[in-house]
Amino acid sequence: MLEPKVILTLGGIPNRVDVLTHIDGITTDAVWATRIASKLDGLPVSFIARDELLTNKRAANRPKDLADVAELLARTPRVPRPAKKVRAKKAPKRR
């Protein structure tokens, strides 16, 4: 799993899971920072966020990925992310 561009496949169709060590168009840090945390059968899981998935699918540029992009855009309206809290800077002291 330390080698770049490795795919580990677990199970078989229809219960197959692919674990990827690299995806096109976006960094692991960006995916992790925007991940969607959830639970599946009571276990914590993380999913790639919609915008990052779209970025990845567009970068892969394969016909099936571009079809996925069209499907995602048709089915799911974009929900704005909550704005990050930014700490206001203190005004400089006047002399």
N, C-alpha and C. Protein backbone atom coordinates (compact mmCIF):
# COMPACT_ATOMS: atom_id res chain seq x y z
N MET A 1 0.82 -1.20 0.00
CA MET A 1 0.00 0.00 0.00
C MET A 1 0.87 1.27 0.00
N LEU A 2 2.16 1.13 0.14
CA LEU A 2 3.02 2.29 0.11
C LEU A 2 3.47 2.66 -1.30
N GLU A 3 3.21 1.78 -2.25
CA GLU A 3 3.57 2.05 -3.64
C GLU A 3 2.52 2.97 -4.27
N PRO A 4 2.95 3.89 -5.13
CA PRO A 4 1.97 4.76 -5.78
C PRO A 4 1.11 4.00 -6.79
N LYS A 5 -0.10 4.48 -6.93
CA LYS A 5 -1.06 3.96 -7.91
C LYS A 5 -1.33 2.46 -7.78
N VAL A 6 -1.52 2.01 -6.55
CA VAL A 6 -1.87 0.62 -6.28
C VAL A 6 -3.37 0.54 -5.99
N ILE A 7 -4.01 -0.50 -6.49
CA ILE A 7 -5.42 -0.75 -6.19
C ILE A 7 -5.51 -2.09 -5.49
N LEU A 8 -6.06 -2.09 -4.29
CA LEU A 8 -6.29 -3.31 -3.54
C LEU A 8 -7.78 -3.61 -3.64
N THR A 9 -8.13 -4.77 -4.18
CA THR A 9 -9.52 -5.15 -4.35
C THR A 9 -9.89 -6.17 -3.28
N LEU A 10 -10.98 -5.87 -2.58
CA LEU A 10 -11.49 -6.76 -1.54
C LEU A 10 -12.87 -7.24 -1.97
N GLY A 11 -13.11 -8.54 -1.84
CA GLY A 11 -14.41 -9.09 -2.17
C GLY A 11 -14.61 -9.21 -3.67
N GLY A 12 -15.84 -9.45 -4.05
CA GLY A 12 -16.19 -9.61 -5.46
C GLY A 12 -17.54 -8.97 -5.74
N ILE A 13 -17.83 -8.82 -7.00
CA ILE A 13 -19.09 -8.20 -7.40
C ILE A 13 -20.25 -9.03 -6.85
N PRO A 14 -21.24 -8.48 -6.23
CA PRO A 14 -21.58 -7.08 -6.11
C PRO A 14 -21.06 -6.41 -4.84
N ASN A 15 -20.23 -7.11 -4.07
CA ASN A 15 -19.76 -6.59 -2.78
C ASN A 15 -18.28 -6.24 -2.83
N ARG A 16 -17.82 -5.72 -3.92
CA ARG A 16 -16.41 -5.42 -4.12
C ARG A 16 -16.08 -4.02 -3.59
N VAL A 17 -14.92 -3.92 -2.96
CA VAL A 17 -14.41 -2.64 -2.49
C VAL A 17 -13.00 -2.48 -3.05
N ASP A 18 -12.75 -1.34 -3.70
CA ASP A 18 -11.41 -1.03 -4.19
C ASP A 18 -10.79 0.02 -3.29
N VAL A 19 -9.60 -0.25 -2.79
CA VAL A 19 -8.84 0.69 -1.98
C VAL A 19 -7.75 1.25 -2.87
N LEU A 20 -7.78 2.58 -3.08
CA LEU A 20 -6.85 3.23 -4.00
C LEU A 20 -5.79 4.00 -3.21
N THR A 21 -4.56 3.97 -3.67
CA THR A 21 -3.51 4.74 -3.02
C THR A 21 -3.26 6.06 -3.75
N HIS A 22 -3.98 6.31 -4.83
CA HIS A 22 -3.81 7.54 -5.60
C HIS A 22 -5.05 7.76 -6.45
N ILE A 23 -5.45 9.04 -6.55
CA ILE A 23 -6.48 9.38 -7.52
C ILE A 23 -6.02 10.62 -8.27
N ASP A 24 -6.52 10.78 -9.48
CA ASP A 24 -6.09 11.89 -10.34
C ASP A 24 -6.76 13.20 -9.95
N GLY A 25 -6.02 14.29 -10.16
CA GLY A 25 -6.60 15.62 -10.08
C GLY A 25 -6.69 16.26 -8.72
N ILE A 26 -6.41 15.53 -7.64
CA ILE A 26 -6.58 16.08 -6.30
C ILE A 26 -5.65 15.36 -5.33
N THR A 27 -5.21 16.05 -4.31
CA THR A 27 -4.28 15.47 -3.34
C THR A 27 -5.04 14.74 -2.22
N THR A 28 -4.34 13.85 -1.60
CA THR A 28 -4.90 13.14 -0.44
C THR A 28 -5.26 14.13 0.66
N ASP A 29 -4.41 15.13 0.87
CA ASP A 29 -4.69 16.13 1.91
C ASP A 29 -6.00 16.87 1.64
N ALA A 30 -6.24 17.23 0.38
CA ALA A 30 -7.48 17.94 0.04
C ALA A 30 -8.69 17.03 0.24
N VAL A 31 -8.56 15.78 -0.14
CA VAL A 31 -9.67 14.83 0.04
C VAL A 31 -9.95 14.63 1.52
N TRP A 32 -8.91 14.46 2.31
CA TRP A 32 -9.08 14.21 3.74
C TRP A 32 -9.68 15.42 4.45
N ALA A 33 -9.25 16.61 4.06
CA ALA A 33 -9.73 17.84 4.71
C ALA A 33 -11.22 18.08 4.45
N THR A 34 -11.73 17.56 3.35
CA THR A 34 -13.13 17.82 2.99
C THR A 34 -14.00 16.56 3.04
N ARG A 35 -13.47 15.49 3.60
CA ARG A 35 -14.19 14.21 3.62
C ARG A 35 -15.52 14.34 4.34
N ILE A 36 -16.41 13.43 4.02
CA ILE A 36 -17.71 13.35 4.67
C ILE A 36 -17.64 12.20 5.67
N ALA A 37 -17.70 12.53 6.94
CA ALA A 37 -17.64 11.51 7.99
C ALA A 37 -19.05 10.97 8.21
N SER A 38 -19.13 9.65 8.35
CA SER A 38 -20.43 9.02 8.54
C SER A 38 -20.23 7.71 9.31
N LYS A 39 -21.28 6.94 9.38
CA LYS A 39 -21.20 5.61 9.99
C LYS A 39 -21.88 4.63 9.05
N LEU A 40 -21.33 3.44 8.99
CA LEU A 40 -21.88 2.37 8.18
C LEU A 40 -21.92 1.14 9.07
N ASP A 41 -23.10 0.64 9.32
CA ASP A 41 -23.28 -0.48 10.25
C ASP A 41 -22.62 -0.18 11.59
N GLY A 42 -22.72 1.08 12.03
CA GLY A 42 -22.18 1.48 13.33
C GLY A 42 -20.69 1.76 13.34
N LEU A 43 -20.03 1.58 12.20
CA LEU A 43 -18.58 1.82 12.13
C LEU A 43 -18.31 3.16 11.46
N PRO A 44 -17.31 3.91 11.97
CA PRO A 44 -16.99 5.19 11.34
C PRO A 44 -16.36 4.97 9.96
N VAL A 45 -16.84 5.73 8.98
CA VAL A 45 -16.31 5.67 7.62
C VAL A 45 -16.20 7.09 7.09
N SER A 46 -15.36 7.27 6.09
CA SER A 46 -15.22 8.58 5.44
C SER A 46 -15.45 8.41 3.94
N PHE A 47 -16.11 9.40 3.36
CA PHE A 47 -16.39 9.40 1.93
C PHE A 47 -15.81 10.65 1.31
N ILE A 48 -15.38 10.54 0.07
CA ILE A 48 -14.90 11.71 -0.64
C ILE A 48 -16.07 12.67 -0.86
N ALA A 49 -15.81 13.96 -0.67
CA ALA A 49 -16.85 14.97 -0.85
C ALA A 49 -17.19 15.12 -2.33
N ARG A 50 -18.38 15.59 -2.59
CA ARG A 50 -18.89 15.69 -3.96
C ARG A 50 -17.97 16.50 -4.88
N ASP A 51 -17.56 17.68 -4.44
CA ASP A 51 -16.72 18.53 -5.30
C ASP A 51 -15.39 17.86 -5.63
N GLU A 52 -14.80 17.19 -4.65
CA GLU A 52 -13.53 16.50 -4.88
C GLU A 52 -13.72 15.29 -5.78
N LEU A 53 -14.84 14.60 -5.63
CA LEU A 53 -15.15 13.48 -6.52
C LEU A 53 -15.30 13.96 -7.96
N LEU A 54 -15.99 15.08 -8.13
CA LEU A 54 -16.14 15.64 -9.47
C LEU A 54 -14.78 16.05 -10.05
N THR A 55 -13.94 16.65 -9.24
CA THR A 55 -12.59 17.03 -9.69
C THR A 55 -11.82 15.79 -10.14
N ASN A 56 -11.89 14.73 -9.35
CA ASN A 56 -11.20 13.49 -9.68
C ASN A 56 -11.74 12.87 -10.96
N LYS A 57 -13.05 12.80 -11.08
CA LYS A 57 -13.66 12.19 -12.26
C LYS A 57 -13.31 12.97 -13.53
N ARG A 58 -13.32 14.30 -13.43
CA ARG A 58 -12.95 15.12 -14.59
C ARG A 58 -11.48 14.90 -14.97
N ALA A 59 -10.60 14.81 -13.96
CA ALA A 59 -9.17 14.61 -14.22
C ALA A 59 -8.89 13.24 -14.83
N ALA A 60 -9.63 12.22 -14.40
CA ALA A 60 -9.44 10.88 -14.95
C ALA A 60 -9.81 10.88 -16.43
N ASN A 61 -10.85 11.63 -16.79
CA ASN A 61 -11.22 11.89 -18.18
C ASN A 61 -11.53 10.64 -19.01
N ARG A 62 -11.89 9.56 -18.34
CA ARG A 62 -12.31 8.36 -19.07
C ARG A 62 -13.80 8.50 -19.38
N PRO A 63 -14.26 7.86 -20.44
CA PRO A 63 -15.69 7.97 -20.77
C PRO A 63 -16.61 7.64 -19.60
N LYS A 64 -16.30 6.59 -18.84
CA LYS A 64 -17.20 6.23 -17.73
C LYS A 64 -17.14 7.27 -16.61
N ASP A 65 -15.99 7.91 -16.40
CA ASP A 65 -15.89 8.96 -15.39
C ASP A 65 -16.65 10.21 -15.83
N LEU A 66 -16.55 10.57 -17.10
CA LEU A 66 -17.29 11.73 -17.61
C LEU A 66 -18.79 11.47 -17.56
N ALA A 67 -19.20 10.23 -17.78
CA ALA A 67 -20.62 9.88 -17.63
C ALA A 67 -21.04 10.01 -16.17
N ASP A 68 -20.16 9.61 -15.25
CA ASP A 68 -20.43 9.78 -13.81
C ASP A 68 -20.60 11.26 -13.46
N VAL A 69 -19.75 12.12 -14.03
CA VAL A 69 -19.84 13.56 -13.78
C VAL A 69 -21.22 14.07 -14.23
N ALA A 70 -21.62 13.71 -15.42
CA ALA A 70 -22.93 14.14 -15.92
C ALA A 70 -24.05 13.65 -15.02
N GLU A 71 -23.96 12.42 -14.57
CA GLU A 71 -24.99 11.85 -13.69
C GLU A 71 -25.02 12.56 -12.34
N LEU A 72 -23.85 12.80 -11.77
CA LEU A 72 -23.78 13.50 -10.48
C LEU A 72 -24.36 14.91 -10.59
N LEU A 73 -24.02 15.60 -11.65
CA LEU A 73 -24.52 16.96 -11.83
C LEU A 73 -26.02 16.98 -12.06
N ALA A 74 -26.55 15.97 -12.73
CA ALA A 74 -27.99 15.90 -13.00
C ALA A 74 -28.78 15.52 -11.76
N ARG A 75 -28.21 14.68 -10.92
CA ARG A 75 -28.95 14.14 -9.78
C ARG A 75 -28.81 14.93 -8.49
N THR A 76 -27.66 15.51 -8.28
CA THR A 76 -27.41 16.10 -6.97
C THR A 76 -27.12 17.59 -7.07
N PRO A 77 -28.01 18.39 -6.50
CA PRO A 77 -27.73 19.82 -6.49
C PRO A 77 -26.54 20.10 -5.58
N ARG A 78 -25.76 21.09 -5.94
CA ARG A 78 -24.61 21.45 -5.12
C ARG A 78 -25.11 22.11 -3.84
N VAL A 79 -24.66 21.59 -2.72
CA VAL A 79 -25.00 22.17 -1.43
C VAL A 79 -23.77 22.93 -0.96
N PRO A 80 -23.91 24.24 -0.74
CA PRO A 80 -22.73 25.01 -0.32
C PRO A 80 -22.20 24.49 1.01
N ARG A 81 -20.88 24.44 1.11
CA ARG A 81 -20.26 24.05 2.37
C ARG A 81 -20.36 25.21 3.35
N PRO A 82 -20.46 24.89 4.64
CA PRO A 82 -20.47 25.99 5.60
C PRO A 82 -19.15 26.74 5.53
N ALA A 83 -19.24 28.03 5.68
CA ALA A 83 -18.02 28.85 5.64
C ALA A 83 -17.15 28.51 6.84
N LYS A 84 -15.85 28.48 6.59
CA LYS A 84 -14.92 28.24 7.69
C LYS A 84 -14.88 29.48 8.56
N LYS A 85 -14.80 29.26 9.86
CA LYS A 85 -14.71 30.39 10.77
C LYS A 85 -13.31 30.98 10.66
N VAL A 86 -13.29 32.27 10.44
CA VAL A 86 -12.01 32.98 10.36
C VAL A 86 -11.95 33.93 11.53
N ARG A 87 -10.87 33.84 12.24
CA ARG A 87 -10.70 34.69 13.40
C ARG A 87 -10.38 36.11 12.93
N ALA A 88 -11.15 37.06 13.42
CA ALA A 88 -10.91 38.45 13.03
C ALA A 88 -9.60 38.93 13.63
N LYS A 89 -8.87 39.66 12.81
CA LYS A 89 -7.60 40.21 13.30
C LYS A 89 -7.92 41.47 14.10
N LYS A 90 -7.16 41.69 15.16
CA LYS A 90 -7.33 42.88 15.95
C LYS A 90 -6.81 44.08 15.18
N ALA A 91 -7.52 45.17 15.31
CA ALA A 91 -7.08 46.40 14.65
C ALA A 91 -5.79 46.87 15.32
N PRO A 92 -4.86 47.41 14.52
CA PRO A 92 -3.61 47.89 15.12
C PRO A 92 -3.90 49.07 16.05
N LYS A 93 -3.13 49.16 17.10
CA LYS A 93 -3.29 50.25 18.06
C LYS A 93 -2.85 51.55 17.43
N ARG A 94 -3.63 52.58 17.68
CA ARG A 94 -3.26 53.90 17.17
C ARG A 94 -2.35 54.59 18.17
N ARG A 95 -1.40 55.30 17.65
CA ARG A 95 -0.47 56.02 18.55
C ARG A 95 -0.81 57.45 18.62
